[in-house]
């Protein structure tokens, strides 16, 4: 049992910290640092010729930098002092899990749109990349729930998957990959060449986690017949991965996601996921949060079992 403690305890501590604290505004976060690095590189290299090559090299450099630094730091600390090692791993896991913060934001979005349309638009803009200035109340609620479903994969299940595969270096490296995609992985005129490799890399990194997430959501609902719904609509998305968790939630709520979205002034007509274009309510938000939390608990339990068995 002692041999698994350096893995098991940091997972438990990091997860509990996320449940209790989310992402505290006062605490420095590596994703903020990642964003500054990516922004600096994008401004420097996303111009003139060979943008696709320059974007590829920047992405590879940043991913290799994060993995190398974390691998060396983790190796050094675990050889130096096991308690410091576990504290370091706990902090990285806490940083990489993003379940609680988005749940809070989604809950606040529903409360805000109930007060006024303008408040709802401002609140949902905190968690989505699309233009929210002209969204209706229904579109605001839909955007929030779509983001909640996608974040379960990107912010919880995928980091846990890469923790299982590559330890804390793999987990934090995944966050760099995901941050690259969220900042430059768009098909707009500005990013379509420069961010092409970043977007494809994120697709690869999320391929299995996205499908695992959808399965866990169906498992959490207890309605295994929804697997057919996920299989039907999971590919109805511009992303090869995001549609699966959204399809799972759309099936659970019997609602419809997708449709036209505006990013950086350009309109993208995304396929619809589901057929029932019914009004979304606070009860739907509460159900979605319960599904997210249950899926997260199942994933944590499975990973703990893996650590104990192996």
Protein backbone atom coordinates (compact mmCIF):
# COMPACT_ATOMS: atom_id res chain seq x y z
CA UNK A 1 0.00 0.00 0.00
CA UNK A 2 2.89 2.38 0.77
CA UNK A 3 4.06 2.17 -2.84
CA UNK A 4 0.79 3.65 -4.12
CA UNK A 5 0.55 6.48 -1.59
CA UNK A 6 2.64 8.92 -3.70
CA UNK A 7 -0.02 8.50 -6.41
CA UNK A 8 -3.20 7.86 -4.44
CA UNK A 9 -2.93 10.60 -1.81
CA UNK A 10 -2.12 13.44 -4.25
CA UNK A 11 -5.13 12.46 -6.35
CA UNK A 12 -7.44 12.55 -3.34
CA UNK A 13 -5.97 15.80 -2.00
CA UNK A 14 -5.99 17.55 -5.38
CA UNK A 15 -9.56 16.47 -6.09
CA UNK A 16 -10.84 17.54 -2.68
CA UNK A 17 -9.12 20.92 -3.04
CA UNK A 18 -10.89 21.43 -6.37
CA UNK A 19 -14.23 20.47 -4.82
CA UNK A 20 -13.71 22.95 -1.98
CA UNK A 21 -11.96 25.84 -3.72
CA UNK A 22 -12.38 25.63 -7.47
CA UNK A 23 -9.92 28.09 -9.05
CA UNK A 24 -9.28 30.82 -6.44
CA UNK A 25 -8.74 34.21 -8.04
CA UNK A 26 -5.88 34.98 -5.63
CA UNK A 27 -3.85 31.90 -6.58
CA UNK A 28 -1.48 31.91 -9.59
CA UNK A 29 -2.52 29.31 -12.15
CA UNK A 30 -0.28 27.65 -14.77
CA UNK A 31 -2.98 27.97 -17.45
CA UNK A 32 -2.66 31.75 -17.12
CA UNK A 33 1.08 31.41 -17.67
CA UNK A 34 0.43 29.09 -20.61
CA UNK A 35 -1.91 31.68 -22.08
CA UNK A 36 0.72 34.41 -21.84
CA UNK A 37 3.32 32.19 -23.51
CA UNK A 38 0.93 31.27 -26.32
CA UNK A 39 -0.18 34.89 -26.80
CA UNK A 40 3.43 36.06 -26.98
CA UNK A 41 4.31 33.39 -29.54
CA UNK A 42 1.18 34.05 -31.59
CA UNK A 43 1.85 37.77 -31.82
CA UNK A 44 5.47 37.15 -32.76
CA UNK A 45 5.03 34.39 -35.35
CA UNK A 46 1.46 34.51 -36.72
CA UNK A 47 2.25 36.78 -39.63
CA UNK A 48 3.76 36.80 -43.11
CA UNK A 49 4.59 33.45 -44.72
CA UNK A 50 4.79 29.85 -43.42
CA UNK A 51 2.20 30.38 -40.69
CA UNK A 52 1.27 26.71 -40.53
CA UNK A 53 4.90 25.68 -40.00
CA UNK A 54 5.49 28.38 -37.41
CA UNK A 55 2.32 27.43 -35.53
CA UNK A 56 3.36 23.78 -35.55
CA UNK A 57 6.84 24.53 -34.22
CA UNK A 58 5.48 26.84 -31.50
CA UNK A 59 3.00 24.20 -30.35
CA UNK A 60 5.62 21.44 -30.28
CA UNK A 61 8.07 23.64 -28.41
CA UNK A 62 5.57 24.62 -25.70
CA UNK A 63 4.31 21.06 -25.23
CA UNK A 64 7.86 19.69 -25.01
CA UNK A 65 8.86 22.49 -22.62
CA UNK A 66 6.01 21.76 -20.19
CA UNK A 67 6.50 18.01 -20.23
CA UNK A 68 10.28 18.22 -19.82
CA UNK A 69 10.08 20.71 -16.95
CA UNK A 70 7.42 18.73 -15.07
CA UNK A 71 9.16 15.41 -15.65
CA UNK A 72 12.45 16.71 -14.27
CA UNK A 73 10.80 18.56 -11.36
CA UNK A 74 8.71 15.54 -10.37
CA UNK A 75 11.69 13.19 -10.63
CA UNK A 76 13.91 15.49 -8.55
CA UNK A 77 11.34 16.15 -5.82
CA UNK A 78 10.36 12.49 -5.44
CA UNK A 79 14.01 11.49 -5.07
CA UNK A 80 14.65 14.32 -2.62
CA UNK A 81 11.65 14.17 -0.26
CA UNK A 82 8.51 12.06 -0.65
CA UNK A 83 6.34 14.49 1.35
CA UNK A 84 7.38 17.43 -0.84
CA UNK A 85 6.80 15.21 -3.87
CA UNK A 86 3.23 14.41 -2.79
CA UNK A 87 2.53 18.07 -2.02
CA UNK A 88 3.82 19.03 -5.48
CA UNK A 89 1.69 16.38 -7.18
CA UNK A 90 -1.37 17.40 -5.17
CA UNK A 91 -0.95 21.01 -6.29
CA UNK A 92 -0.59 20.06 -9.96
CA UNK A 93 -3.69 17.85 -9.82
CA UNK A 94 -5.62 20.62 -8.07
CA UNK A 95 -4.56 23.07 -10.79
CA UNK A 96 -5.49 20.70 -13.62
CA UNK A 97 -8.99 19.76 -12.43
CA UNK A 98 -11.60 22.34 -13.42
CA UNK A 99 -14.92 20.83 -12.42
CA UNK A 100 -16.03 23.09 -9.60
CA UNK A 101 -15.36 26.49 -11.14
CA UNK A 102 -17.36 25.87 -14.29
CA UNK A 103 -20.26 24.40 -12.33
CA UNK A 104 -20.35 27.63 -10.34
CA UNK A 105 -20.22 29.70 -13.52
CA UNK A 106 -23.03 27.71 -15.16
CA UNK A 107 -25.20 28.04 -12.07
CA UNK A 108 -24.53 31.79 -12.02
CA UNK A 109 -25.41 32.03 -15.72
CA UNK A 110 -28.86 30.54 -15.13
CA UNK A 111 -29.43 32.85 -12.17
CA UNK A 112 -28.22 35.87 -14.18
CA UNK A 113 -30.44 35.25 -17.21
CA UNK A 114 -33.42 34.84 -14.89
CA UNK A 115 -32.72 38.39 -13.65
CA UNK A 116 -32.14 39.99 -17.06
CA UNK A 117 -31.07 39.10 -20.59
CA UNK A 118 -28.11 41.48 -20.46
CA UNK A 119 -26.82 39.97 -17.22
CA UNK A 120 -27.10 36.51 -18.73
CA UNK A 121 -25.14 37.54 -21.82
CA UNK A 122 -22.34 39.03 -19.71
CA UNK A 123 -22.19 36.00 -17.43
CA UNK A 124 -22.12 33.36 -20.17
CA UNK A 125 -19.39 35.33 -21.99
CA UNK A 126 -17.09 34.33 -19.12
CA UNK A 127 -17.23 30.66 -20.13
CA UNK A 128 -17.75 30.55 -23.91
CA UNK A 129 -15.66 31.77 -26.83
CA UNK A 130 -18.58 32.75 -29.06
CA UNK A 131 -20.14 36.19 -29.44
CA UNK A 132 -22.84 36.48 -26.78
CA UNK A 133 -24.08 40.03 -27.48
CA UNK A 134 -27.22 38.95 -29.32
CA UNK A 135 -28.02 35.61 -27.66
CA UNK A 136 -31.57 34.93 -26.52
CA UNK A 137 -32.32 33.55 -23.06
CA UNK A 138 -32.70 30.07 -24.55
CA UNK A 139 -29.40 30.39 -26.40
CA UNK A 140 -27.64 31.55 -23.23
CA UNK A 141 -28.87 28.52 -21.28
CA UNK A 142 -27.99 26.22 -24.17
CA UNK A 143 -24.47 27.67 -24.45
CA UNK A 144 -23.91 27.22 -20.72
CA UNK A 145 -24.99 23.57 -20.74
CA UNK A 146 -22.99 22.79 -23.89
CA UNK A 147 -19.91 24.24 -22.20
CA UNK A 148 -20.63 22.30 -19.01
CA UNK A 149 -20.78 19.03 -20.97
CA UNK A 150 -17.64 19.81 -22.95
CA UNK A 151 -15.76 20.92 -19.85
CA UNK A 152 -16.49 17.62 -18.11
CA UNK A 153 -14.29 16.05 -20.77
CA UNK A 154 -11.69 18.83 -21.17
CA UNK A 155 -11.56 19.92 -17.54
CA UNK A 156 -11.98 16.68 -15.60
CA UNK A 157 -11.99 13.34 -17.45
CA UNK A 158 -9.22 14.12 -19.95
CA UNK A 159 -6.82 15.44 -17.28
CA UNK A 160 -7.51 12.32 -15.18
CA UNK A 161 -6.95 10.12 -18.26
CA UNK A 162 -3.57 11.73 -18.95
CA UNK A 163 -2.69 11.56 -15.26
CA UNK A 164 -3.22 7.80 -15.47
CA UNK A 165 -1.13 7.60 -18.66
CA UNK A 166 1.73 9.99 -17.89
CA UNK A 167 1.53 11.08 -14.26
CA UNK A 168 1.49 14.77 -13.37
CA UNK A 169 3.81 15.63 -16.33
CA UNK A 170 1.25 14.09 -18.70
CA UNK A 171 -1.63 15.81 -16.93
CA UNK A 172 -0.16 19.32 -17.08
CA UNK A 173 1.09 18.78 -20.64
CA UNK A 174 -2.49 17.98 -21.61
CA UNK A 175 -3.53 21.35 -20.15
CA UNK A 176 -1.01 23.07 -22.41
CA UNK A 177 -2.40 21.20 -25.43
CA UNK A 178 -5.94 22.17 -24.46
CA UNK A 179 -4.95 25.81 -23.84
CA UNK A 180 -3.27 25.98 -27.25
CA UNK A 181 -6.47 24.76 -28.89
CA UNK A 182 -8.68 27.15 -26.92
CA UNK A 183 -6.55 30.13 -27.94
CA UNK A 184 -5.44 29.45 -31.52
CA UNK A 185 -7.30 26.32 -32.65
CA UNK A 186 -10.04 28.17 -34.57
CA UNK A 187 -10.95 28.01 -38.26
CA UNK A 188 -11.07 31.77 -38.60
CA UNK A 189 -8.96 33.68 -41.11
CA UNK A 190 -6.48 34.63 -38.39
CA UNK A 191 -5.96 31.17 -36.91
CA UNK A 192 -6.87 28.56 -39.54
CA UNK A 193 -3.22 28.05 -40.61
CA UNK A 194 -1.31 29.03 -37.50
CA UNK A 195 -3.52 27.01 -35.15
CA UNK A 196 -4.13 24.03 -37.42
CA UNK A 197 -1.60 21.74 -35.71
CA UNK A 198 -2.71 22.82 -32.22
CA UNK A 199 -6.30 21.92 -33.07
CA UNK A 200 -5.34 18.52 -34.48
CA UNK A 201 -3.12 17.79 -31.47
CA UNK A 202 -6.01 18.57 -29.15
CA UNK A 203 -8.26 16.29 -31.21
CA UNK A 204 -5.83 13.41 -30.70
CA UNK A 205 -5.38 14.11 -26.99
CA UNK A 206 -9.15 14.17 -26.43
CA UNK A 207 -10.22 11.31 -28.69
CA UNK A 208 -10.48 8.61 -26.02
CA UNK A 209 -11.35 10.91 -23.07
CA UNK A 210 -14.31 12.40 -24.96
CA UNK A 211 -15.83 9.00 -25.57
CA UNK A 212 -15.10 7.83 -22.03
CA UNK A 213 -16.81 11.00 -20.76
CA UNK A 214 -19.96 10.28 -22.76
CA UNK A 215 -20.06 6.73 -21.44
CA UNK A 216 -19.62 7.91 -17.84
CA UNK A 217 -22.44 10.42 -18.28
CA UNK A 218 -24.76 7.71 -19.58
CA UNK A 219 -23.64 5.47 -16.71
CA UNK A 220 -24.38 8.28 -14.24
CA UNK A 221 -27.88 8.65 -15.70
CA UNK A 222 -28.58 4.92 -15.45
CA UNK A 223 -30.17 4.99 -18.93
CA UNK A 224 -27.97 2.80 -21.10
CA UNK A 225 -30.38 3.12 -24.02
CA UNK A 226 -28.89 6.60 -24.48
CA UNK A 227 -25.74 5.04 -25.89
CA UNK A 228 -27.61 4.75 -29.21
CA UNK A 229 -28.42 8.46 -29.03
CA UNK A 230 -24.75 9.29 -28.37
CA UNK A 231 -23.66 7.06 -31.26
CA UNK A 232 -26.13 8.84 -33.55
CA UNK A 233 -25.35 12.43 -32.60
CA UNK A 234 -21.79 12.28 -31.24
CA UNK A 235 -20.29 13.05 -34.63
CA UNK A 236 -22.74 15.94 -35.26
CA UNK A 237 -20.21 18.57 -34.28
CA UNK A 238 -17.44 20.58 -35.90
CA UNK A 239 -15.07 18.93 -33.40
CA UNK A 240 -14.50 15.17 -33.67
CA UNK A 241 -14.72 14.96 -29.87
CA UNK A 242 -16.90 17.66 -28.30
CA UNK A 243 -20.09 16.25 -29.76
CA UNK A 244 -19.97 13.10 -27.63
CA UNK A 245 -20.33 14.66 -24.20
CA UNK A 246 -22.82 17.18 -25.60
CA UNK A 247 -24.83 14.36 -27.16
CA UNK A 248 -24.84 12.49 -23.85
CA UNK A 249 -26.21 15.53 -22.01
CA UNK A 250 -28.70 16.36 -24.78
CA UNK A 251 -30.00 12.79 -24.57
CA UNK A 252 -30.23 12.89 -20.78
CA UNK A 253 -32.12 16.21 -20.85
CA UNK A 254 -34.09 15.41 -24.03
CA UNK A 255 -33.12 18.75 -25.55
CA UNK A 256 -31.26 20.13 -28.57
CA UNK A 257 -27.75 21.62 -28.72
CA UNK A 258 -25.75 23.08 -31.60
CA UNK A 259 -26.81 25.44 -34.36
CA UNK A 260 -25.29 28.72 -35.61
CA UNK A 261 -22.57 30.32 -33.45
CA UNK A 262 -20.48 33.45 -34.04
CA UNK A 263 -16.73 33.38 -33.25
CA UNK A 264 -14.51 36.43 -33.75
CA UNK A 265 -17.08 38.02 -36.06
CA UNK A 266 -17.52 34.93 -38.26
CA UNK A 267 -20.69 32.82 -38.34
CA UNK A 268 -20.32 29.03 -38.07
CA UNK A 269 -23.38 26.86 -38.71
CA UNK A 270 -22.85 23.88 -36.41
CA UNK A 271 -25.00 20.75 -36.78
CA UNK A 272 -27.77 20.22 -34.28
CA UNK A 273 -27.42 17.57 -31.59
CA UNK A 274 -30.85 16.20 -30.70
CA UNK A 275 -34.29 17.07 -32.04
CA UNK A 276 -36.30 18.45 -29.13
CA UNK A 277 -35.94 22.24 -29.22
CA UNK A 278 -37.72 22.76 -25.92
CA UNK A 279 -37.10 25.60 -23.44
CA UNK A 280 -34.34 24.87 -20.94
CA UNK A 281 -34.98 25.46 -17.25
CA UNK A 282 -33.18 25.70 -13.92
CA UNK A 283 -34.17 22.07 -13.29
CA UNK A 284 -32.20 21.08 -16.41
CA UNK A 285 -29.15 22.91 -15.07
CA UNK A 286 -29.45 21.08 -11.76
CA UNK A 287 -29.74 17.73 -13.54
CA UNK A 288 -26.70 18.53 -15.69
CA UNK A 289 -24.63 19.44 -12.64
CA UNK A 290 -25.67 16.21 -10.89
CA UNK A 291 -24.63 14.19 -13.95
CA UNK A 292 -21.28 16.01 -14.09
CA UNK A 293 -20.53 15.42 -10.43
CA UNK A 294 -21.57 11.76 -10.54
CA UNK A 295 -19.46 11.13 -13.65
CA UNK A 296 -16.50 12.83 -11.98
CA UNK A 297 -16.87 10.69 -8.85
CA UNK A 298 -17.00 7.51 -10.94
CA UNK A 299 -13.83 8.54 -12.79
CA UNK A 300 -11.98 9.31 -9.55
CA UNK A 301 -13.07 5.97 -8.05
CA UNK A 302 -11.88 4.08 -11.14
CA UNK A 303 -8.50 5.79 -11.10
CA UNK A 304 -8.06 5.08 -7.39
CA UNK A 305 -8.84 1.42 -8.07
CA UNK A 306 -6.24 1.36 -10.86
CA UNK A 307 -3.60 2.79 -8.53
CA UNK A 308 -4.42 0.22 -5.84
CA UNK A 309 -4.51 -2.76 -8.20
CA UNK A 310 -1.41 -1.86 -10.21
